[in-house]
mmCIF file of all heavy atoms, coordinates in Angstrom:
data_MODEL
# 
_entry.id   MODEL 
# 
loop_
_atom_site.group_PDB 
_atom_site.id 
_atom_site.type_symbol 
_atom_site.label_atom_id 
_atom_site.label_alt_id 
_atom_site.label_comp_id 
_atom_site.label_asym_id 
_atom_site.label_entity_id 
_atom_site.label_seq_id 
_atom_site.pdbx_PDB_ins_code 
_atom_site.Cartn_x 
_atom_site.Cartn_y 
_atom_site.Cartn_z 
_atom_site.occupancy 
_atom_site.B_iso_or_equiv 
_atom_site.pdbx_formal_charge 
_atom_site.auth_seq_id 
_atom_site.auth_comp_id 
_atom_site.auth_asym_id 
_atom_site.auth_atom_id 
_atom_site.pdbx_PDB_model_num 
ATOM 1   N N   . LEU A 1 1  ? 0.842   -1.196 -0.007 1.00 0.00 ? 1  LEU A N   1 
ATOM 2   C CA  . LEU A 1 1  ? -0.007  -0.025 -0.027 1.00 0.00 ? 1  LEU A CA  1 
ATOM 3   C C   . LEU A 1 1  ? 0.872   1.243  0.003  1.00 0.00 ? 1  LEU A C   1 
ATOM 4   O O   . LEU A 1 1  ? 1.845   1.350  0.748  1.00 0.00 ? 1  LEU A O   1 
ATOM 5   C CB  . LEU A 1 1  ? -0.925  -0.014 1.234  1.00 0.00 ? 1  LEU A CB  1 
ATOM 6   C CG  . LEU A 1 1  ? -1.952  1.141  1.318  1.00 0.00 ? 1  LEU A CG  1 
ATOM 7   C CD1 . LEU A 1 1  ? -3.234  0.631  2.002  1.00 0.00 ? 1  LEU A CD1 1 
ATOM 8   C CD2 . LEU A 1 1  ? -1.388  2.306  2.126  1.00 0.00 ? 1  LEU A CD2 1 
ATOM 9   N N   . VAL A 1 2  ? 0.496   2.217  -0.807 1.00 0.00 ? 2  VAL A N   1 
ATOM 10  C CA  . VAL A 1 2  ? 1.198   3.465  -0.882 1.00 0.00 ? 2  VAL A CA  1 
ATOM 11  C C   . VAL A 1 2  ? 0.370   4.548  -0.199 1.00 0.00 ? 2  VAL A C   1 
ATOM 12  O O   . VAL A 1 2  ? 0.834   5.259  0.708  1.00 0.00 ? 2  VAL A O   1 
ATOM 13  C CB  . VAL A 1 2  ? 1.482   3.896  -2.290 1.00 0.00 ? 2  VAL A CB  1 
ATOM 14  C CG1 . VAL A 1 2  ? 2.138   5.279  -2.364 1.00 0.00 ? 2  VAL A CG1 1 
ATOM 15  C CG2 . VAL A 1 2  ? 2.394   2.856  -2.992 1.00 0.00 ? 2  VAL A CG2 1 
ATOM 16  N N   . ALA A 1 3  ? -0.870  4.680  -0.611 1.00 0.00 ? 3  ALA A N   1 
ATOM 17  C CA  . ALA A 1 3  ? -1.756  5.691  -0.041 1.00 0.00 ? 3  ALA A CA  1 
ATOM 18  C C   . ALA A 1 3  ? -3.198  5.324  -0.316 1.00 0.00 ? 3  ALA A C   1 
ATOM 19  O O   . ALA A 1 3  ? -3.499  4.686  -1.331 1.00 0.00 ? 3  ALA A O   1 
ATOM 20  C CB  . ALA A 1 3  ? -1.447  7.086  -0.623 1.00 0.00 ? 3  ALA A CB  1 
ATOM 21  N N   . THR A 1 4  ? -4.083  5.721  0.582  1.00 0.00 ? 4  THR A N   1 
ATOM 22  C CA  . THR A 1 4  ? -5.502  5.509  0.363  1.00 0.00 ? 4  THR A CA  1 
ATOM 23  C C   . THR A 1 4  ? -6.241  6.803  0.716  1.00 0.00 ? 4  THR A C   1 
ATOM 24  O O   . THR A 1 4  ? -5.752  7.642  1.455  1.00 0.00 ? 4  THR A O   1 
ATOM 25  C CB  . THR A 1 4  ? -6.060  4.373  1.265  1.00 0.00 ? 4  THR A CB  1 
ATOM 26  O OG1 . THR A 1 4  ? -5.841  4.675  2.638  1.00 0.00 ? 4  THR A OG1 1 
ATOM 27  C CG2 . THR A 1 4  ? -5.402  3.046  0.901  1.00 0.00 ? 4  THR A CG2 1 
ATOM 28  N N   . ILE A 1 5  ? -7.423  6.900  0.151  1.00 0.00 ? 5  ILE A N   1 
ATOM 29  C CA  . ILE A 1 5  ? -8.297  8.041  0.467  1.00 0.00 ? 5  ILE A CA  1 
ATOM 30  C C   . ILE A 1 5  ? -9.721  7.527  0.472  1.00 0.00 ? 5  ILE A C   1 
ATOM 31  O O   . ILE A 1 5  ? -10.160 6.794  -0.371 1.00 0.00 ? 5  ILE A O   1 
ATOM 32  C CB  . ILE A 1 5  ? -8.110  9.161  -0.598 1.00 0.00 ? 5  ILE A CB  1 
ATOM 33  C CG1 . ILE A 1 5  ? -8.951  10.396 -0.184 1.00 0.00 ? 5  ILE A CG1 1 
ATOM 34  C CG2 . ILE A 1 5  ? -8.439  8.688  -2.000 1.00 0.00 ? 5  ILE A CG2 1 
ATOM 35  C CD1 . ILE A 1 5  ? -8.587  11.632 -0.994 1.00 0.00 ? 5  ILE A CD1 1 
ATOM 36  N N   . THR A 1 6  ? -10.453 7.924  1.542  1.00 0.00 ? 6  THR A N   1 
ATOM 37  C CA  . THR A 1 6  ? -11.816 7.499  1.690  1.00 0.00 ? 6  THR A CA  1 
ATOM 38  C C   . THR A 1 6  ? -12.740 8.422  0.914  1.00 0.00 ? 6  THR A C   1 
ATOM 39  O O   . THR A 1 6  ? -12.327 9.445  0.364  1.00 0.00 ? 6  THR A O   1 
ATOM 40  C CB  . THR A 1 6  ? -12.231 7.501  3.171  1.00 0.00 ? 6  THR A CB  1 
ATOM 41  O OG1 . THR A 1 6  ? -12.276 8.876  3.633  1.00 0.00 ? 6  THR A OG1 1 
ATOM 42  C CG2 . THR A 1 6  ? -11.295 6.728  4.016  1.00 0.00 ? 6  THR A CG2 1 
ATOM 43  N N   . GLY A 1 7  ? -14.003 8.029  0.835  1.00 0.00 ? 7  GLY A N   1 
ATOM 44  C CA  . GLY A 1 7  ? -14.951 8.862  0.161  1.00 0.00 ? 7  GLY A CA  1 
ATOM 45  C C   . GLY A 1 7  ? -15.125 10.245 0.805  1.00 0.00 ? 7  GLY A C   1 
ATOM 46  O O   . GLY A 1 7  ? -15.439 11.235 0.127  1.00 0.00 ? 7  GLY A O   1 
ATOM 47  N N   . GLY A 1 8  ? -14.841 10.295 2.082  1.00 0.00 ? 8  GLY A N   1 
ATOM 48  C CA  . GLY A 1 8  ? -14.916 11.550 2.828  1.00 0.00 ? 8  GLY A CA  1 
ATOM 49  C C   . GLY A 1 8  ? -13.629 12.375 2.772  1.00 0.00 ? 8  GLY A C   1 
ATOM 50  O O   . GLY A 1 8  ? -13.600 13.478 3.327  1.00 0.00 ? 8  GLY A O   1 
ATOM 51  N N   . GLY A 1 9  ? -12.593 11.837 2.122  1.00 0.00 ? 9  GLY A N   1 
ATOM 52  C CA  . GLY A 1 9  ? -11.371 12.571 1.937  1.00 0.00 ? 9  GLY A CA  1 
ATOM 53  C C   . GLY A 1 9  ? -10.287 12.321 2.957  1.00 0.00 ? 9  GLY A C   1 
ATOM 54  O O   . GLY A 1 9  ? -9.215  12.906 2.896  1.00 0.00 ? 9  GLY A O   1 
ATOM 55  N N   . SER A 1 10 ? -10.511 11.366 3.878  1.00 0.00 ? 10 SER A N   1 
ATOM 56  C CA  . SER A 1 10 ? -9.473  11.024 4.828  1.00 0.00 ? 10 SER A CA  1 
ATOM 57  C C   . SER A 1 10 ? -8.382  10.201 4.123  1.00 0.00 ? 10 SER A C   1 
ATOM 58  O O   . SER A 1 10 ? -8.664  9.333  3.333  1.00 0.00 ? 10 SER A O   1 
ATOM 59  C CB  . SER A 1 10 ? -10.061 10.188 5.964  1.00 0.00 ? 10 SER A CB  1 
ATOM 60  O OG  . SER A 1 10 ? -10.988 10.968 6.708  1.00 0.00 ? 10 SER A OG  1 
ATOM 61  N N   . THR A 1 11 ? -7.133  10.549 4.416  1.00 0.00 ? 11 THR A N   1 
ATOM 62  C CA  . THR A 1 11 ? -6.011  9.913  3.745  1.00 0.00 ? 11 THR A CA  1 
ATOM 63  C C   . THR A 1 11 ? -5.132  9.139  4.670  1.00 0.00 ? 11 THR A C   1 
ATOM 64  O O   . THR A 1 11 ? -5.099  9.377  5.889  1.00 0.00 ? 11 THR A O   1 
ATOM 65  C CB  . THR A 1 11 ? -5.150  10.977 3.007  1.00 0.00 ? 11 THR A CB  1 
ATOM 66  O OG1 . THR A 1 11 ? -4.682  11.925 3.981  1.00 0.00 ? 11 THR A OG1 1 
ATOM 67  C CG2 . THR A 1 11 ? -5.970  11.717 1.961  1.00 0.00 ? 11 THR A CG2 1 
ATOM 68  N N   . ASN A 1 12 ? -4.435  8.195  4.106  1.00 0.00 ? 12 ASN A N   1 
ATOM 69  C CA  . ASN A 1 12 ? -3.485  7.388  4.840  1.00 0.00 ? 12 ASN A CA  1 
ATOM 70  C C   . ASN A 1 12 ? -2.320  7.070  3.921  1.00 0.00 ? 12 ASN A C   1 
ATOM 71  O O   . ASN A 1 12 ? -2.519  6.795  2.750  1.00 0.00 ? 12 ASN A O   1 
ATOM 72  C CB  . ASN A 1 12 ? -4.153  6.099  5.310  1.00 0.00 ? 12 ASN A CB  1 
ATOM 73  C CG  . ASN A 1 12 ? -3.204  5.213  6.128  1.00 0.00 ? 12 ASN A CG  1 
ATOM 74  O OD1 . ASN A 1 12 ? -2.643  4.254  5.592  1.00 0.00 ? 12 ASN A OD1 1 
ATOM 75  N ND2 . ASN A 1 12 ? -3.026  5.555  7.384  1.00 0.00 ? 12 ASN A ND2 1 
ATOM 76  N N   . TYR A 1 13 ? -1.097  7.115  4.456  1.00 0.00 ? 13 TYR A N   1 
ATOM 77  C CA  . TYR A 1 13 ? 0.090   6.951  3.672  1.00 0.00 ? 13 TYR A CA  1 
ATOM 78  C C   . TYR A 1 13 ? 1.016   5.919  4.306  1.00 0.00 ? 13 TYR A C   1 
ATOM 79  O O   . TYR A 1 13 ? 1.099   5.817  5.557  1.00 0.00 ? 13 TYR A O   1 
ATOM 80  C CB  . TYR A 1 13 ? 0.863   8.249  3.519  1.00 0.00 ? 13 TYR A CB  1 
ATOM 81  C CG  . TYR A 1 13 ? 0.089   9.330  2.825  1.00 0.00 ? 13 TYR A CG  1 
ATOM 82  C CD1 . TYR A 1 13 ? -0.660  10.239 3.533  1.00 0.00 ? 13 TYR A CD1 1 
ATOM 83  C CD2 . TYR A 1 13 ? 0.163   9.454  1.433  1.00 0.00 ? 13 TYR A CD2 1 
ATOM 84  C CE1 . TYR A 1 13 ? -1.328  11.248 2.883  1.00 0.00 ? 13 TYR A CE1 1 
ATOM 85  C CE2 . TYR A 1 13 ? -0.530  10.443 0.790  1.00 0.00 ? 13 TYR A CE2 1 
ATOM 86  C CZ  . TYR A 1 13 ? -1.277  11.352 1.495  1.00 0.00 ? 13 TYR A CZ  1 
ATOM 87  O OH  . TYR A 1 13 ? -1.960  12.366 0.858  1.00 0.00 ? 13 TYR A OH  1 
ATOM 88  N N   . ALA A 1 14 ? 1.723   5.233  3.482  1.00 0.00 ? 14 ALA A N   1 
ATOM 89  C CA  . ALA A 1 14 ? 2.806   4.396  3.950  1.00 0.00 ? 14 ALA A CA  1 
ATOM 90  C C   . ALA A 1 14 ? 3.899   5.323  4.516  1.00 0.00 ? 14 ALA A C   1 
ATOM 91  O O   . ALA A 1 14 ? 4.109   6.403  4.059  1.00 0.00 ? 14 ALA A O   1 
ATOM 92  C CB  . ALA A 1 14 ? 3.399   3.548  2.814  1.00 0.00 ? 14 ALA A CB  1 
ATOM 93  N N   . ASP A 1 15 ? 4.589   4.819  5.545  1.00 0.00 ? 15 ASP A N   1 
ATOM 94  C CA  . ASP A 1 15 ? 5.618   5.627  6.166  1.00 0.00 ? 15 ASP A CA  1 
ATOM 95  C C   . ASP A 1 15 ? 6.689   6.076  5.183  1.00 0.00 ? 15 ASP A C   1 
ATOM 96  O O   . ASP A 1 15 ? 7.228   7.166  5.285  1.00 0.00 ? 15 ASP A O   1 
ATOM 97  C CB  . ASP A 1 15 ? 6.257   4.842  7.335  1.00 0.00 ? 15 ASP A CB  1 
ATOM 98  C CG  . ASP A 1 15 ? 5.345   4.712  8.517  1.00 0.00 ? 15 ASP A CG  1 
ATOM 99  O OD1 . ASP A 1 15 ? 4.386   5.464  8.662  1.00 0.00 ? 15 ASP A OD1 1 
ATOM 100 O OD2 . ASP A 1 15 ? 5.598   3.799  9.320  1.00 0.00 ? 15 ASP A OD2 1 
ATOM 101 N N   . SER A 1 16 ? 6.974   5.230  4.212  1.00 0.00 ? 16 SER A N   1 
ATOM 102 C CA  . SER A 1 16 ? 8.024   5.519  3.258  1.00 0.00 ? 16 SER A CA  1 
ATOM 103 C C   . SER A 1 16 ? 7.737   6.699  2.342  1.00 0.00 ? 16 SER A C   1 
ATOM 104 O O   . SER A 1 16 ? 8.644   7.211  1.710  1.00 0.00 ? 16 SER A O   1 
ATOM 105 C CB  . SER A 1 16 ? 8.341   4.264  2.416  1.00 0.00 ? 16 SER A CB  1 
ATOM 106 O OG  . SER A 1 16 ? 7.182   3.836  1.721  1.00 0.00 ? 16 SER A OG  1 
ATOM 107 N N   . VAL A 1 17 ? 6.464   7.077  2.240  1.00 0.00 ? 17 VAL A N   1 
ATOM 108 C CA  . VAL A 1 17 ? 6.105   8.133  1.321  1.00 0.00 ? 17 VAL A CA  1 
ATOM 109 C C   . VAL A 1 17 ? 5.520   9.357  2.012  1.00 0.00 ? 17 VAL A C   1 
ATOM 110 O O   . VAL A 1 17 ? 5.227   10.384 1.319  1.00 0.00 ? 17 VAL A O   1 
ATOM 111 C CB  . VAL A 1 17 ? 5.128   7.667  0.229  1.00 0.00 ? 17 VAL A CB  1 
ATOM 112 C CG1 . VAL A 1 17 ? 5.685   6.444  -0.492 1.00 0.00 ? 17 VAL A CG1 1 
ATOM 113 C CG2 . VAL A 1 17 ? 3.748   7.361  0.830  1.00 0.00 ? 17 VAL A CG2 1 
ATOM 114 N N   . LYS A 1 18 ? 5.313   9.297  3.301  1.00 0.00 ? 18 LYS A N   1 
ATOM 115 C CA  . LYS A 1 18 ? 4.770   10.405 4.025  1.00 0.00 ? 18 LYS A CA  1 
ATOM 116 C C   . LYS A 1 18 ? 5.611   11.687 3.848  1.00 0.00 ? 18 LYS A C   1 
ATOM 117 O O   . LYS A 1 18 ? 6.826   11.639 3.938  1.00 0.00 ? 18 LYS A O   1 
ATOM 118 C CB  . LYS A 1 18 ? 4.624   10.094 5.524  1.00 0.00 ? 18 LYS A CB  1 
ATOM 119 C CG  . LYS A 1 18 ? 3.530   9.125  5.847  1.00 0.00 ? 18 LYS A CG  1 
ATOM 120 C CD  . LYS A 1 18 ? 3.475   8.844  7.356  1.00 0.00 ? 18 LYS A CD  1 
ATOM 121 C CE  . LYS A 1 18 ? 2.328   7.875  7.679  1.00 0.00 ? 18 LYS A CE  1 
ATOM 122 N NZ  . LYS A 1 18 ? 2.280   7.576  9.116  1.00 0.00 ? 18 LYS A NZ  1 
ATOM 123 N N   . GLY A 1 19 ? 4.909   12.743 3.552  1.00 0.00 ? 19 GLY A N   1 
ATOM 124 C CA  . GLY A 1 19 ? 5.593   14.035 3.347  1.00 0.00 ? 19 GLY A CA  1 
ATOM 125 C C   . GLY A 1 19 ? 6.058   14.224 1.936  1.00 0.00 ? 19 GLY A C   1 
ATOM 126 O O   . GLY A 1 19 ? 6.456   15.361 1.584  1.00 0.00 ? 19 GLY A O   1 
ATOM 127 N N   . ARG A 1 20 ? 6.023   13.192 1.129  1.00 0.00 ? 20 ARG A N   1 
ATOM 128 C CA  . ARG A 1 20 ? 6.469   13.298 -0.253 1.00 0.00 ? 20 ARG A CA  1 
ATOM 129 C C   . ARG A 1 20 ? 5.324   13.089 -1.253 1.00 0.00 ? 20 ARG A C   1 
ATOM 130 O O   . ARG A 1 20 ? 5.318   13.725 -2.295 1.00 0.00 ? 20 ARG A O   1 
ATOM 131 C CB  . ARG A 1 20 ? 7.581   12.303 -0.547 1.00 0.00 ? 20 ARG A CB  1 
ATOM 132 C CG  . ARG A 1 20 ? 8.824   12.496 0.297  1.00 0.00 ? 20 ARG A CG  1 
ATOM 133 C CD  . ARG A 1 20 ? 9.955   11.586 -0.136 1.00 0.00 ? 20 ARG A CD  1 
ATOM 134 N NE  . ARG A 1 20 ? 9.600   10.152 -0.032 1.00 0.00 ? 20 ARG A NE  1 
ATOM 135 C CZ  . ARG A 1 20 ? 9.590   9.312  -1.056 1.00 0.00 ? 20 ARG A CZ  1 
ATOM 136 N NH1 . ARG A 1 20 ? 9.863   9.749  -2.269 1.00 0.00 ? 20 ARG A NH1 1 
ATOM 137 N NH2 . ARG A 1 20 ? 9.269   8.047  -0.845 1.00 0.00 ? 20 ARG A NH2 1 
ATOM 138 N N   . PHE A 1 21 ? 4.419   12.178 -0.928 1.00 0.00 ? 21 PHE A N   1 
ATOM 139 C CA  . PHE A 1 21 ? 3.342   11.841 -1.844 1.00 0.00 ? 21 PHE A CA  1 
ATOM 140 C C   . PHE A 1 21 ? 2.046   12.442 -1.265 1.00 0.00 ? 21 PHE A C   1 
ATOM 141 O O   . PHE A 1 21 ? 1.831   12.514 -0.071 1.00 0.00 ? 21 PHE A O   1 
ATOM 142 C CB  . PHE A 1 21 ? 3.161   10.363 -1.987 1.00 0.00 ? 21 PHE A CB  1 
ATOM 143 C CG  . PHE A 1 21 ? 4.288   9.637  -2.730 1.00 0.00 ? 21 PHE A CG  1 
ATOM 144 C CD1 . PHE A 1 21 ? 5.420   10.299 -3.095 1.00 0.00 ? 21 PHE A CD1 1 
ATOM 145 C CD2 . PHE A 1 21 ? 4.132   8.325  -3.058 1.00 0.00 ? 21 PHE A CD2 1 
ATOM 146 C CE1 . PHE A 1 21 ? 6.449   9.655  -3.772 1.00 0.00 ? 21 PHE A CE1 1 
ATOM 147 C CE2 . PHE A 1 21 ? 5.113   7.631  -3.783 1.00 0.00 ? 21 PHE A CE2 1 
ATOM 148 C CZ  . PHE A 1 21 ? 6.269   8.327  -4.104 1.00 0.00 ? 21 PHE A CZ  1 
ATOM 149 N N   . THR A 1 22 ? 1.147   12.801 -2.179 1.00 0.00 ? 22 THR A N   1 
ATOM 150 C CA  . THR A 1 22 ? -0.172  13.294 -1.811 1.00 0.00 ? 22 THR A CA  1 
ATOM 151 C C   . THR A 1 22 ? -1.213  12.624 -2.677 1.00 0.00 ? 22 THR A C   1 
ATOM 152 O O   . THR A 1 22 ? -1.149  12.676 -3.872 1.00 0.00 ? 22 THR A O   1 
ATOM 153 C CB  . THR A 1 22 ? -0.267  14.839 -1.955 1.00 0.00 ? 22 THR A CB  1 
ATOM 154 O OG1 . THR A 1 22 ? 0.735   15.461 -1.169 1.00 0.00 ? 22 THR A OG1 1 
ATOM 155 C CG2 . THR A 1 22 ? -1.661  15.314 -1.516 1.00 0.00 ? 22 THR A CG2 1 
ATOM 156 N N   . ILE A 1 23 ? -2.195  12.017 -2.026 1.00 0.00 ? 23 ILE A N   1 
ATOM 157 C CA  . ILE A 1 23 ? -3.316  11.399 -2.732 1.00 0.00 ? 23 ILE A CA  1 
ATOM 158 C C   . ILE A 1 23 ? -4.486  12.366 -2.663 1.00 0.00 ? 23 ILE A C   1 
ATOM 159 O O   . ILE A 1 23 ? -4.742  12.980 -1.649 1.00 0.00 ? 23 ILE A O   1 
ATOM 160 C CB  . ILE A 1 23 ? -3.647  10.026 -2.152 1.00 0.00 ? 23 ILE A CB  1 
ATOM 161 C CG1 . ILE A 1 23 ? -4.675  9.309  -3.042 1.00 0.00 ? 23 ILE A CG1 1 
ATOM 162 C CG2 . ILE A 1 23 ? -4.120  10.095 -0.729 1.00 0.00 ? 23 ILE A CG2 1 
ATOM 163 C CD1 . ILE A 1 23 ? -4.895  7.855  -2.632 1.00 0.00 ? 23 ILE A CD1 1 
ATOM 164 N N   . SER A 1 24 ? -5.205  12.455 -3.765 1.00 0.00 ? 24 SER A N   1 
ATOM 165 C CA  . SER A 1 24 ? -6.399  13.301 -3.815 1.00 0.00 ? 24 SER A CA  1 
ATOM 166 C C   . SER A 1 24 ? -7.411  12.664 -4.785 1.00 0.00 ? 24 SER A C   1 
ATOM 167 O O   . SER A 1 24 ? -7.075  11.715 -5.496 1.00 0.00 ? 24 SER A O   1 
ATOM 168 C CB  . SER A 1 24 ? -6.056  14.734 -4.257 1.00 0.00 ? 24 SER A CB  1 
ATOM 169 O OG  . SER A 1 24 ? -5.454  14.752 -5.542 1.00 0.00 ? 24 SER A OG  1 
ATOM 170 N N   . ARG A 1 25 ? -8.574  13.190 -4.783 1.00 0.00 ? 25 ARG A N   1 
ATOM 171 C CA  . ARG A 1 25 ? -9.580  12.645 -5.682 1.00 0.00 ? 25 ARG A CA  1 
ATOM 172 C C   . ARG A 1 25 ? -10.512 13.763 -6.198 1.00 0.00 ? 25 ARG A C   1 
ATOM 173 O O   . ARG A 1 25 ? -10.716 14.799 -5.548 1.00 0.00 ? 25 ARG A O   1 
ATOM 174 C CB  . ARG A 1 25 ? -10.384 11.553 -4.975 1.00 0.00 ? 25 ARG A CB  1 
ATOM 175 C CG  . ARG A 1 25 ? -11.210 12.038 -3.786 1.00 0.00 ? 25 ARG A CG  1 
ATOM 176 C CD  . ARG A 1 25 ? -11.744 10.857 -2.983 1.00 0.00 ? 25 ARG A CD  1 
ATOM 177 N NE  . ARG A 1 25 ? -12.744 10.099 -3.715 1.00 0.00 ? 25 ARG A NE  1 
ATOM 178 C CZ  . ARG A 1 25 ? -13.145 8.876  -3.365 1.00 0.00 ? 25 ARG A CZ  1 
ATOM 179 N NH1 . ARG A 1 25 ? -12.629 8.273  -2.298 1.00 0.00 ? 25 ARG A NH1 1 
ATOM 180 N NH2 . ARG A 1 25 ? -14.079 8.261  -4.079 1.00 0.00 ? 25 ARG A NH2 1 
# 
């Protein structure tokens, strides 16, 4: 897993990509 985003916009990131990757929808 790299990143997830819920229907409500809550996000979660793998530690290895935090601060560098941004998921959006």
